Structures are given as C-alpha cells and as structure tokens.
Amino acid sequence: MSLDATDFILLTLSFFVIATLYSAVGFGGGSSYLAILTLVITSFFTIRTTALLCNLTVVSGSCYLYYKSGHLPLKKFLPFVITSIPMAFLGASFRLKEQVFFILLALALIVSAIALIYQTMALNSNFDVKKYPPYMSYLLGAGIGFLSGLVGIGGGIFLAPVLNHMKWDKPIVIASLASFFILVNSISGLGGLFTSNSFEIFWPEIIGLLFAVLLGGQLGVRLSIGKLSAKRIRMLTGILVLFVGIRVLLKNGFEIALFS
C-alpha cells in the first residue's frame, strides 16, 4: 500500500460520504473522487481510472434498486445511451494535457452545480412533464457522452440538470436515468482508457475504495427511492459539486498552468 493507514482511512471515509450524497440524486460521485484523488495520487491516468471504477460500482447498485422499484424504464432511456456510449469512448480515448483536462472538468462542474442549486431552490410539487421530439434524446446523449468521456466521469451530473430544466420527466425518473447514463458511459470510458493505454489501477487501495463507495451508494439510493431526493440532499450535493469545481479550477487548473 502506497498510502499510510491514516490517509487511507480518511480517503475511504471521504469516498463513502461522497457516494452517499451523490447516489441520493442519481449521480456516481466521479467529480469529487477526481478532486480528492489529486491530493494523494500523482498519476493522472490512475486518477481517471479510479474515479470511473468507483462511479461504476456506485451506479451499478443504484440502477438495480431503481429497476426493482419501477423507476428505470429502459426503453425510454435507450436513445440517450445509444449515442452516448461511442461518444464517451471517443472522448476517453483523447490523451488531454493535464491542465486542459482539469479546466474542462472544473468549468463543467461549476455550471452543473449552479444549475442543480437553482433547480433545487425552485423545485415544487407541481411538476408538469413536457414532450420533446425523439432526436433531442440522441443529441443530448451524444454531446454529454463525449464531454463525460473527456473529463473522466459518467456524465449524469451534466445530464440531470439539463433534463430537470427541460422538465423531461419526474425528478425520480431523471435520477434513475442519470445513474443508468453514468453506468454505460463509465464502462465505455474505461474501454477508451484501456485502448489508449491510459488504464492504471490504484492497487491495492482500490479494493477498499470500491467497498466504501458500494456501501455509500446503497445507502444514498435508498434515501432517493424512499424520499424522492429530499431538497436538502439535493442542495447539499449541489454545494459540494460547486466547491469541488472551484477547487479543481484553482488548484489543478490554474496552478498547473502557472507552474508548468
């Protein structure tokens, strides 16, 4: 183990809390995993691989529970994933410079967090679902899939605010779609890393981290299904995402640019 026991315990607890909060609103936590891992890992590719593996672990359990609860209409979600899978693979295969990667990630997170916070403040019980032409699902899946592949996360954190703004469906259904979207794009993203020789495992610490996010993810998604993603959980998650985005921009984007 390359980390001492104290650092590893703190890292594991952090991942557990992140997985709990993010899964409660249909996310995997990849953005925060990335931010925290930059504090303890120097390998850029190990950071991306670890975040995607943790994402995959969280949303696999989430999708199963959403499906059992009847909130995962796979036929309705297919247009999003049909186009997102190849685009996430393509995005992940790009070997971006570290500075460009972190600036893209930070800006995307900040915009998504502001949208999530605003939507949570404006959320009310009267949610009138709107109808959109089928091609919108394909276009959104392709665009957000490519972005998620580039920045090394599943993309649900980008997709959910857009769909909530569009009033595409009920919040619980959008949360389940976000989880499913993250699931398929994380698999595709890992494939892109593997084919570009960028797949690196954080061994043996990865075992403890995956166990922590599995437990946290199961706790969070049960909160989501039981309470339909309470506003306080959504708000707390939005604030956390905003903090992570700003931190990544200042620490891993601008600082790298200044000292490179």
C-alpha atoms as a PDB file:
ATOM      1  CA  MET A   1       0.000   0.000   0.000  1.00  0.00           C
ATOM      2  CA  SER A   2       1.476   3.339  -1.031  1.00  0.00           C
ATOM      3  CA  LEU A   3      -0.593   5.365   1.489  1.00  0.00           C
ATOM      4  CA  ASP A   4      -0.163   5.256   5.243  1.00  0.00           C
ATOM      5  CA  ALA A   5      -3.040   3.889   7.310  1.00  0.00           C
ATOM      6  CA  THR A   6      -4.393   7.280   8.432  1.00  0.00           C
ATOM      7  CA  ASP A   7      -4.511   8.729   4.926  1.00  0.00           C
ATOM      8  CA  PHE A   8      -6.164   5.607   3.584  1.00  0.00           C
ATOM      9  CA  ILE A   9      -8.861   5.639   6.292  1.00  0.00           C
ATOM     10  CA  LEU A  10      -9.621   9.327   5.654  1.00  0.00           C
ATOM     11  CA  LEU A  11      -9.745   8.697   1.898  1.00  0.00           C
ATOM     12  CA  THR A  12     -12.101   5.751   2.352  1.00  0.00           C
ATOM     13  CA  LEU A  13     -14.439   7.694   4.649  1.00  0.00           C
ATOM     14  CA  SER A  14     -14.488  10.600   2.208  1.00  0.00           C
ATOM     15  CA  PHE A  15     -15.434   8.298  -0.645  1.00  0.00           C
ATOM     16  CA  PHE A  16     -18.217   6.752   1.472  1.00  0.00           C
ATOM     17  CA  VAL A  17     -19.754  10.166   2.240  1.00  0.00           C
ATOM     18  CA  ILE A  18     -19.462  11.294  -1.399  1.00  0.00           C
ATOM     19  CA  ALA A  19     -21.074   8.112  -2.693  1.00  0.00           C
ATOM     20  CA  THR A  20     -23.957   8.511  -0.229  1.00  0.00           C
ATOM     21  CA  LEU A  21     -24.695  12.121  -1.175  1.00  0.00           C
ATOM     22  CA  TYR A  22     -24.254  11.749  -4.920  1.00  0.00           C
ATOM     23  CA  SER A  23     -26.197   8.496  -5.289  1.00  0.00           C
ATOM     24  CA  ALA A  24     -29.147  10.084  -3.442  1.00  0.00           C
ATOM     25  CA  VAL A  25     -29.670  12.314  -6.501  1.00  0.00           C
ATOM     26  CA  GLY A  26     -28.716   9.744  -9.130  1.00  0.00           C
ATOM     27  CA  PHE A  27     -25.013  10.574  -9.506  1.00  0.00           C
ATOM     28  CA  GLY A  28     -21.910   8.425  -9.071  1.00  0.00           C
ATOM     29  CA  GLY A  29     -19.557  10.918  -7.412  1.00  0.00           C
ATOM     30  CA  GLY A  30     -16.839  10.824 -10.053  1.00  0.00           C
ATOM     31  CA  SER A  31     -16.160  14.562  -9.950  1.00  0.00           C
ATOM     32  CA  SER A  32     -15.414  14.576  -6.225  1.00  0.00           C
ATOM     33  CA  TYR A  33     -13.393  11.368  -6.442  1.00  0.00           C
ATOM     34  CA  LEU A  34     -11.220  13.072  -9.046  1.00  0.00           C
ATOM     35  CA  ALA A  35     -10.718  16.138  -6.868  1.00  0.00           C
ATOM     36  CA  ILE A  36      -9.790  14.174  -3.762  1.00  0.00           C
ATOM     37  CA  LEU A  37      -7.521  11.751  -5.593  1.00  0.00           C
ATOM     38  CA  THR A  38      -5.402  14.635  -6.891  1.00  0.00           C
ATOM     39  CA  LEU A  39      -4.359  15.202  -3.270  1.00  0.00           C
ATOM     40  CA  VAL A  40      -2.895  11.717  -2.843  1.00  0.00           C
ATOM     41  CA  ILE A  41      -2.052  10.366  -6.319  1.00  0.00           C
ATOM     42  CA  THR A  42       0.398  11.853  -8.782  1.00  0.00           C
ATOM     43  CA  SER A  43      -0.517   9.675 -11.774  1.00  0.00           C
ATOM     44  CA  PHE A  44      -3.066  11.474 -13.926  1.00  0.00           C
ATOM     45  CA  PHE A  45      -4.267   8.236 -15.560  1.00  0.00           C
ATOM     46  CA  THR A  46      -4.624   6.406 -12.229  1.00  0.00           C
ATOM     47  CA  ILE A  47      -6.878   9.218 -11.021  1.00  0.00           C
ATOM     48  CA  ARG A  48      -9.180   8.913 -14.041  1.00  0.00           C
ATOM     49  CA  THR A  49      -9.302   5.111 -13.885  1.00  0.00           C
ATOM     50  CA  THR A  50     -10.056   5.047 -10.156  1.00  0.00           C
ATOM     51  CA  ALA A  51     -12.845   7.620 -10.462  1.00  0.00           C
ATOM     52  CA  LEU A  52     -14.536   5.676 -13.256  1.00  0.00           C
ATOM     53  CA  LEU A  53     -14.289   2.370 -11.381  1.00  0.00           C
ATOM     54  CA  CYS A  54     -15.842   3.961  -8.284  1.00  0.00           C
ATOM     55  CA  ASN A  55     -18.557   5.520 -10.456  1.00  0.00           C
ATOM     56  CA  LEU A  56     -19.325   2.145 -11.961  1.00  0.00           C
ATOM     57  CA  THR A  57     -19.585   0.489  -8.553  1.00  0.00           C
ATOM     58  CA  VAL A  58     -21.979   3.101  -7.163  1.00  0.00           C
ATOM     59  CA  VAL A  59     -24.387   3.267 -10.085  1.00  0.00           C
ATOM     60  CA  SER A  60     -24.492  -0.494 -10.690  1.00  0.00           C
ATOM     61  CA  GLY A  61     -26.219  -0.917  -7.332  1.00  0.00           C
ATOM     62  CA  SER A  62     -28.321   2.200  -7.884  1.00  0.00           C
ATOM     63  CA  CYS A  63     -29.621   1.002 -11.248  1.00  0.00           C
ATOM     64  CA  TYR A  64     -30.579  -2.358  -9.770  1.00  0.00           C
ATOM     65  CA  LEU A  65     -32.622  -0.745  -6.994  1.00  0.00           C
ATOM     66  CA  TYR A  66     -34.220   1.800  -9.349  1.00  0.00           C
ATOM     67  CA  TYR A  67     -35.192  -1.051 -11.681  1.00  0.00           C
ATOM     68  CA  LYS A  68     -36.714  -3.077  -8.842  1.00  0.00           C
ATOM     69  CA  SER A  69     -38.716  -0.010  -7.764  1.00  0.00           C
ATOM     70  CA  GLY A  70     -40.090   0.553 -11.271  1.00  0.00           C
ATOM     71  CA  HIS A  71     -38.240   3.830 -11.901  1.00  0.00           C
ATOM     72  CA  LEU A  72     -35.959   2.592 -14.685  1.00  0.00           C
ATOM     73  CA  PRO A  73     -37.876   2.364 -17.999  1.00  0.00           C
ATOM     74  CA  LEU A  74     -35.006   1.080 -20.127  1.00  0.00           C
ATOM     75  CA  LYS A  75     -36.821   1.555 -23.442  1.00  0.00           C
ATOM     76  CA  LYS A  76     -37.249   5.264 -22.718  1.00  0.00           C
ATOM     77  CA  PHE A  77     -33.545   5.608 -21.846  1.00  0.00           C
ATOM     78  CA  LEU A  78     -32.100   3.815 -24.880  1.00  0.00           C
ATOM     79  CA  PRO A  79     -31.899   6.889 -27.188  1.00  0.00           C
ATOM     80  CA  PHE A  80     -29.598   8.588 -24.673  1.00  0.00           C
ATOM     81  CA  VAL A  81     -27.217   5.664 -24.284  1.00  0.00           C
ATOM     82  CA  ILE A  82     -27.114   4.568 -27.937  1.00  0.00           C
ATOM     83  CA  THR A  83     -25.306   7.763 -28.869  1.00  0.00           C
ATOM     84  CA  SER A  84     -23.508   8.368 -25.577  1.00  0.00           C
ATOM     85  CA  ILE A  85     -21.617   5.060 -25.470  1.00  0.00           C
ATOM     86  CA  PRO A  86     -19.499   5.573 -28.622  1.00  0.00           C
ATOM     87  CA  MET A  87     -19.031   9.270 -27.861  1.00  0.00           C
ATOM     88  CA  ALA A  88     -17.876   8.584 -24.293  1.00  0.00           C
ATOM     89  CA  PHE A  89     -15.446   6.011 -25.690  1.00  0.00           C
ATOM     90  CA  LEU A  90     -14.167   8.581 -28.164  1.00  0.00           C
ATOM     91  CA  GLY A  91     -13.833  11.275 -25.504  1.00  0.00           C
ATOM     92  CA  ALA A  92     -11.945   8.993 -23.129  1.00  0.00           C
ATOM     93  CA  SER A  93      -9.511   7.971 -25.858  1.00  0.00           C
ATOM     94  CA  PHE A  94      -8.228  11.552 -26.158  1.00  0.00           C
ATOM     95  CA  ARG A  95      -4.979  11.993 -24.250  1.00  0.00           C
ATOM     96  CA  LEU A  96      -5.628  15.515 -22.991  1.00  0.00           C
ATOM     97  CA  LYS A  97      -2.962  17.617 -21.340  1.00  0.00           C
ATOM     98  CA  GLU A  98      -3.453  17.621 -17.577  1.00  0.00           C
ATOM     99  CA  GLN A  99      -4.164  21.372 -17.448  1.00  0.00           C
ATOM    100  CA  VAL A 100      -6.804  21.214 -20.196  1.00  0.00           C
ATOM    101  CA  PHE A 101      -8.451  18.219 -18.535  1.00  0.00           C
ATOM    102  CA  PHE A 102      -8.844  19.902 -15.155  1.00  0.00           C
ATOM    103  CA  ILE A 103     -10.038  23.236 -16.566  1.00  0.00           C
ATOM    104  CA  LEU A 104     -12.707  21.469 -18.646  1.00  0.00           C
ATOM    105  CA  LEU A 105     -13.774  19.402 -15.653  1.00  0.00           C
ATOM    106  CA  ALA A 106     -13.917  22.407 -13.317  1.00  0.00           C
ATOM    107  CA  LEU A 107     -15.968  24.601 -15.648  1.00  0.00           C
ATOM    108  CA  ALA A 108     -18.426  21.796 -16.376  1.00  0.00           C
ATOM    109  CA  LEU A 109     -18.847  21.091 -12.659  1.00  0.00           C
ATOM    110  CA  ILE A 110     -19.367  24.744 -11.716  1.00  0.00           C
ATOM    111  CA  VAL A 111     -22.082  25.215 -14.345  1.00  0.00           C
ATOM    112  CA  SER A 112     -23.776  21.934 -13.364  1.00  0.00           C
ATOM    113  CA  ALA A 113     -23.650  22.789  -9.649  1.00  0.00           C
ATOM    114  CA  ILE A 114     -25.192  26.235 -10.153  1.00  0.00           C
ATOM    115  CA  ALA A 115     -27.964  24.657 -12.234  1.00  0.00           C
ATOM    116  CA  LEU A 116     -28.601  21.972  -9.588  1.00  0.00           C
ATOM    117  CA  ILE A 117     -28.732  24.519  -6.737  1.00  0.00           C
ATOM    118  CA  TYR A 118     -31.039  26.836  -8.677  1.00  0.00           C
ATOM    119  CA  GLN A 119     -33.362  23.995  -9.662  1.00  0.00           C
ATOM    120  CA  THR A 120     -33.487  22.711  -6.086  1.00  0.00           C
ATOM    121  CA  MET A 121     -34.478  26.156  -4.801  1.00  0.00           C
ATOM    122  CA  ALA A 122     -37.195  26.398  -7.459  1.00  0.00           C
ATOM    123  CA  LEU A 123     -38.404  22.806  -7.036  1.00  0.00           C
ATOM    124  CA  ASN A 124     -42.073  22.379  -6.200  1.00  0.00           C
ATOM    125  CA  SER A 125     -44.628  19.591  -6.209  1.00  0.00           C
ATOM    126  CA  ASN A 126     -46.290  20.806  -9.426  1.00  0.00           C
ATOM    127  CA  PHE A 127     -44.020  19.226 -11.998  1.00  0.00           C
ATOM    128  CA  ASP A 128     -45.563  19.352 -15.476  1.00  0.00           C
ATOM    129  CA  VAL A 129     -43.690  16.968 -17.753  1.00  0.00           C
ATOM    130  CA  LYS A 130     -43.064  18.304 -21.259  1.00  0.00           C
ATOM    131  CA  LYS A 131     -42.813  16.363 -24.512  1.00  0.00           C
ATOM    132  CA  TYR A 132     -39.816  16.638 -26.858  1.00  0.00           C
ATOM    133  CA  PRO A 133     -39.040  15.157 -30.296  1.00  0.00           C
ATOM    134  CA  PRO A 134     -37.048  11.896 -30.142  1.00  0.00           C
ATOM    135  CA  TYR A 135     -33.930  13.368 -31.785  1.00  0.00           C
ATOM    136  CA  MET A 136     -33.357  15.558 -28.687  1.00  0.00           C
ATOM    137  CA  SER A 137     -32.535  12.453 -26.647  1.00  0.00           C
ATOM    138  CA  TYR A 138     -29.995  11.289 -29.221  1.00  0.00           C
ATOM    139  CA  LEU A 139     -28.324  14.708 -29.416  1.00  0.00           C
ATOM    140  CA  LEU A 140     -28.142  15.126 -25.642  1.00  0.00           C
ATOM    141  CA  GLY A 141     -26.760  11.630 -25.225  1.00  0.00           C
ATOM    142  CA  ALA A 142     -24.030  12.219 -27.816  1.00  0.00           C
ATOM    143  CA  GLY A 143     -22.936  15.633 -26.550  1.00  0.00           C
ATOM    144  CA  ILE A 144     -22.902  14.827 -22.857  1.00  0.00           C
ATOM    145  CA  GLY A 145     -21.410  11.394 -23.514  1.00  0.00           C
ATOM    146  CA  PHE A 146     -18.454  12.970 -25.308  1.00  0.00           C
ATOM    147  CA  LEU A 147     -17.936  15.515 -22.504  1.00  0.00           C
ATOM    148  CA  SER A 148     -18.123  12.831 -19.839  1.00  0.00           C
ATOM    149  CA  GLY A 149     -15.529  10.762 -21.666  1.00  0.00           C
ATOM    150  CA  LEU A 150     -13.198  13.755 -21.935  1.00  0.00           C
ATOM    151  CA  VAL A 151     -13.305  14.610 -18.236  1.00  0.00           C
ATOM    152  CA  GLY A 152     -13.368  11.048 -16.944  1.00  0.00           C
ATOM    153  CA  ILE A 153     -16.757  10.838 -15.210  1.00  0.00           C
ATOM    154  CA  GLY A 154     -20.073   9.219 -16.087  1.00  0.00           C
ATOM    155  CA  GLY A 155     -21.866  12.375 -17.186  1.00  0.00           C
ATOM    156  CA  GLY A 156     -25.026  12.081 -15.115  1.00  0.00           C
ATOM    157  CA  ILE A 157     -24.085  15.233 -13.235  1.00  0.00           C
ATOM    158  CA  PHE A 158     -24.243  17.078 -16.572  1.00  0.00           C
ATOM    159  CA  LEU A 159     -27.349  15.348 -17.918  1.00  0.00           C
ATOM    160  CA  ALA A 160     -29.625  15.611 -14.869  1.00  0.00           C
ATOM    161  CA  PRO A 161     -29.655  19.443 -14.580  1.00  0.00           C
ATOM    162  CA  VAL A 162     -30.393  19.735 -18.299  1.00  0.00           C
ATOM    163  CA  LEU A 163     -33.313  17.297 -18.120  1.00  0.00           C
ATOM    164  CA  ASN A 164     -34.679  18.865 -14.936  1.00  0.00           C
ATOM    165  CA  HIS A 165     -34.604  22.269 -16.627  1.00  0.00           C
ATOM    166  CA  MET A 166     -36.409  20.794 -19.637  1.00  0.00           C
ATOM    167  CA  LYS A 167     -38.925  19.048 -17.303  1.00  0.00           C
ATOM    168  CA  TRP A 168     -38.272  15.901 -19.297  1.00  0.00           C
ATOM    169  CA  ASP A 169     -39.792  13.679 -16.606  1.00  0.00           C
ATOM    170  CA  LYS A 170     -40.320  13.403 -12.848  1.00  0.00           C
ATOM    171  CA  PRO A 171     -37.177  14.008 -10.724  1.00  0.00           C
ATOM    172  CA  ILE A 172     -37.015  10.375  -9.579  1.00  0.00           C
ATOM    173  CA  VAL A 173     -37.055   9.142 -13.194  1.00  0.00           C
ATOM    174  CA  ILE A 174     -34.365  11.660 -14.178  1.00  0.00           C
ATOM    175  CA  ALA A 175     -32.259  10.476 -11.223  1.00  0.00           C
ATOM    176  CA  SER A 176     -32.579   6.873 -12.389  1.00  0.00           C
ATOM    177  CA  LEU A 177     -31.665   7.886 -15.956  1.00  0.00           C
ATOM    178  CA  ALA A 178     -28.611   9.746 -14.623  1.00  0.00           C
ATOM    179  CA  SER A 179     -27.492   6.572 -12.847  1.00  0.00           C
ATOM    180  CA  PHE A 180     -28.026   4.426 -15.934  1.00  0.00           C
ATOM    181  CA  PHE A 181     -26.276   7.025 -18.109  1.00  0.00           C
ATOM    182  CA  ILE A 182     -23.293   7.001 -15.744  1.00  0.00           C
ATOM    183  CA  LEU A 183     -23.236   3.202 -15.766  1.00  0.00           C
ATOM    184  CA  VAL A 184     -22.929   2.789 -19.533  1.00  0.00           C
ATOM    185  CA  ASN A 185     -20.613   5.763 -20.004  1.00  0.00           C
ATOM    186  CA  SER A 186     -18.283   4.645 -17.216  1.00  0.00           C
ATOM    187  CA  ILE A 187     -17.937   1.275 -18.927  1.00  0.00           C
ATOM    188  CA  SER A 188     -17.361   2.978 -22.267  1.00  0.00           C
ATOM    189  CA  GLY A 189     -14.914   5.451 -20.721  1.00  0.00           C
ATOM    190  CA  LEU A 190     -12.906   2.649 -19.127  1.00  0.00           C
ATOM    191  CA  GLY A 191     -12.767   0.979 -22.528  1.00  0.00           C
ATOM    192  CA  GLY A 192     -11.418   4.192 -24.042  1.00  0.00           C
ATOM    193  CA  LEU A 193      -8.740   4.434 -21.338  1.00  0.00           C
ATOM    194  CA  PHE A 194      -7.768   0.813 -21.892  1.00  0.00           C
ATOM    195  CA  THR A 195      -7.404   1.118 -25.666  1.00  0.00           C
ATOM    196  CA  SER A 196      -5.353   4.317 -25.326  1.00  0.00           C
ATOM    197  CA  ASN A 197      -3.024   2.658 -22.788  1.00  0.00           C
ATOM    198  CA  SER A 198      -4.225   5.050 -20.079  1.00  0.00           C
ATOM    199  CA  PHE A 199      -5.786   2.448 -17.770  1.00  0.00           C
ATOM    200  CA  GLU A 200      -3.899   2.401 -14.451  1.00  0.00           C
ATOM    201  CA  ILE A 201      -5.064   0.754 -11.219  1.00  0.00           C
ATOM    202  CA  PHE A 202      -4.563   2.252  -7.738  1.00  0.00           C
ATOM    203  CA  TRP A 203      -3.581  -1.083  -6.185  1.00  0.00           C
ATOM    204  CA  PRO A 204      -4.357  -2.399  -3.565  1.00  0.00           C
ATOM    205  CA  GLU A 205      -6.150   0.683  -2.220  1.00  0.00           C
ATOM    206  CA  ILE A 206      -8.786   0.383  -4.945  1.00  0.00           C
ATOM    207  CA  ILE A 207     -10.345  -2.589  -3.132  1.00  0.00           C
ATOM    208  CA  GLY A 208     -11.115  -0.548  -0.009  1.00  0.00           C
ATOM    209  CA  LEU A 209     -12.340   2.416  -2.046  1.00  0.00           C
ATOM    210  CA  LEU A 210     -14.717   0.293  -4.116  1.00  0.00           C
ATOM    211  CA  PHE A 211     -16.128  -1.301  -0.957  1.00  0.00           C
ATOM    212  CA  ALA A 212     -16.668   2.142   0.616  1.00  0.00           C
ATOM    213  CA  VAL A 213     -18.498   3.578  -2.399  1.00  0.00           C
ATOM    214  CA  LEU A 214     -20.600   0.425  -2.733  1.00  0.00           C
ATOM    215  CA  LEU A 215     -21.897   0.856   0.817  1.00  0.00           C
ATOM    216  CA  GLY A 216     -22.383   4.595   0.426  1.00  0.00           C
ATOM    217  CA  GLY A 217     -24.118   4.185  -2.904  1.00  0.00           C
ATOM    218  CA  GLN A 218     -26.582   1.658  -1.476  1.00  0.00           C
ATOM    219  CA  LEU A 219     -27.409   3.991   1.397  1.00  0.00           C
ATOM    220  CA  GLY A 220     -27.856   7.020  -0.853  1.00  0.00           C
ATOM    221  CA  VAL A 221     -30.074   5.403  -3.455  1.00  0.00           C
ATOM    222  CA  ARG A 222     -32.368   4.082  -0.720  1.00  0.00           C
ATOM    223  CA  LEU A 223     -32.765   7.655   0.512  1.00  0.00           C
ATOM    224  CA  SER A 224     -33.572   8.663  -3.055  1.00  0.00           C
ATOM    225  CA  ILE A 225     -36.220   5.993  -3.560  1.00  0.00           C
ATOM    226  CA  GLY A 226     -37.724   6.461  -0.119  1.00  0.00           C
ATOM    227  CA  LYS A 227     -37.874  10.269  -0.065  1.00  0.00           C
ATOM    228  CA  LEU A 228     -37.689  11.202  -3.751  1.00  0.00           C
ATOM    229  CA  SER A 229     -34.384  13.017  -3.277  1.00  0.00           C
ATOM    230  CA  ALA A 230     -35.236  15.453  -0.491  1.00  0.00           C
ATOM    231  CA  LYS A 231     -34.417  19.075  -1.277  1.00  0.00           C
ATOM    232  CA  ARG A 232     -31.824  19.303   1.484  1.00  0.00           C
ATOM    233  CA  ILE A 233     -29.892  16.364  -0.007  1.00  0.00           C
ATOM    234  CA  ARG A 234     -30.006  17.905  -3.484  1.00  0.00           C
ATOM    235  CA  MET A 235     -28.911  21.283  -2.135  1.00  0.00           C
ATOM    236  CA  LEU A 236     -26.044  19.789  -0.139  1.00  0.00           C
ATOM    237  CA  THR A 237     -24.906  17.819  -3.183  1.00  0.00           C
ATOM    238  CA  GLY A 238     -25.058  20.939  -5.385  1.00  0.00           C
ATOM    239  CA  ILE A 239     -22.961  22.900  -2.887  1.00  0.00           C
ATOM    240  CA  LEU A 240     -20.441  20.059  -2.719  1.00  0.00           C
ATOM    241  CA  VAL A 241     -20.185  19.918  -6.527  1.00  0.00           C
ATOM    242  CA  LEU A 242     -19.703  23.694  -6.671  1.00  0.00           C
ATOM    243  CA  PHE A 243     -16.950  23.532  -4.062  1.00  0.00           C
ATOM    244  CA  VAL A 244     -15.236  20.709  -5.931  1.00  0.00           C
ATOM    245  CA  GLY A 245     -15.446  22.590  -9.237  1.00  0.00           C
ATOM    246  CA  ILE A 246     -13.923  25.756  -7.781  1.00  0.00           C
ATOM    247  CA  ARG A 247     -11.216  23.790  -6.015  1.00  0.00           C
ATOM    248  CA  VAL A 248     -10.291  21.877  -9.163  1.00  0.00           C
ATOM    249  CA  LEU A 249     -10.143  25.096 -11.173  1.00  0.00           C
ATOM    250  CA  LEU A 250      -7.908  26.922  -8.693  1.00  0.00           C
ATOM    251  CA  LYS A 251      -5.734  24.031  -7.553  1.00  0.00           C
ATOM    252  CA  ASN A 252      -5.476  21.719 -10.542  1.00  0.00           C
ATOM    253  CA  GLY A 253      -6.203  24.066 -13.433  1.00  0.00           C
ATOM    254  CA  PHE A 254      -4.670  27.458 -12.816  1.00  0.00           C
ATOM    255  CA  GLU A 255      -1.898  26.220 -10.534  1.00  0.00           C
ATOM    256  CA  ILE A 256      -0.700  23.713 -13.126  1.00  0.00           C
ATOM    257  CA  ALA A 257      -0.805  26.459 -15.746  1.00  0.00           C
ATOM    258  CA  LEU A 258       1.242  28.800 -13.542  1.00  0.00           C
ATOM    259  CA  PHE A 259       3.974  26.307 -12.740  1.00  0.00           C
ATOM    260  CA  SER A 260       4.161  24.390 -15.993  1.00  0.00           C
END
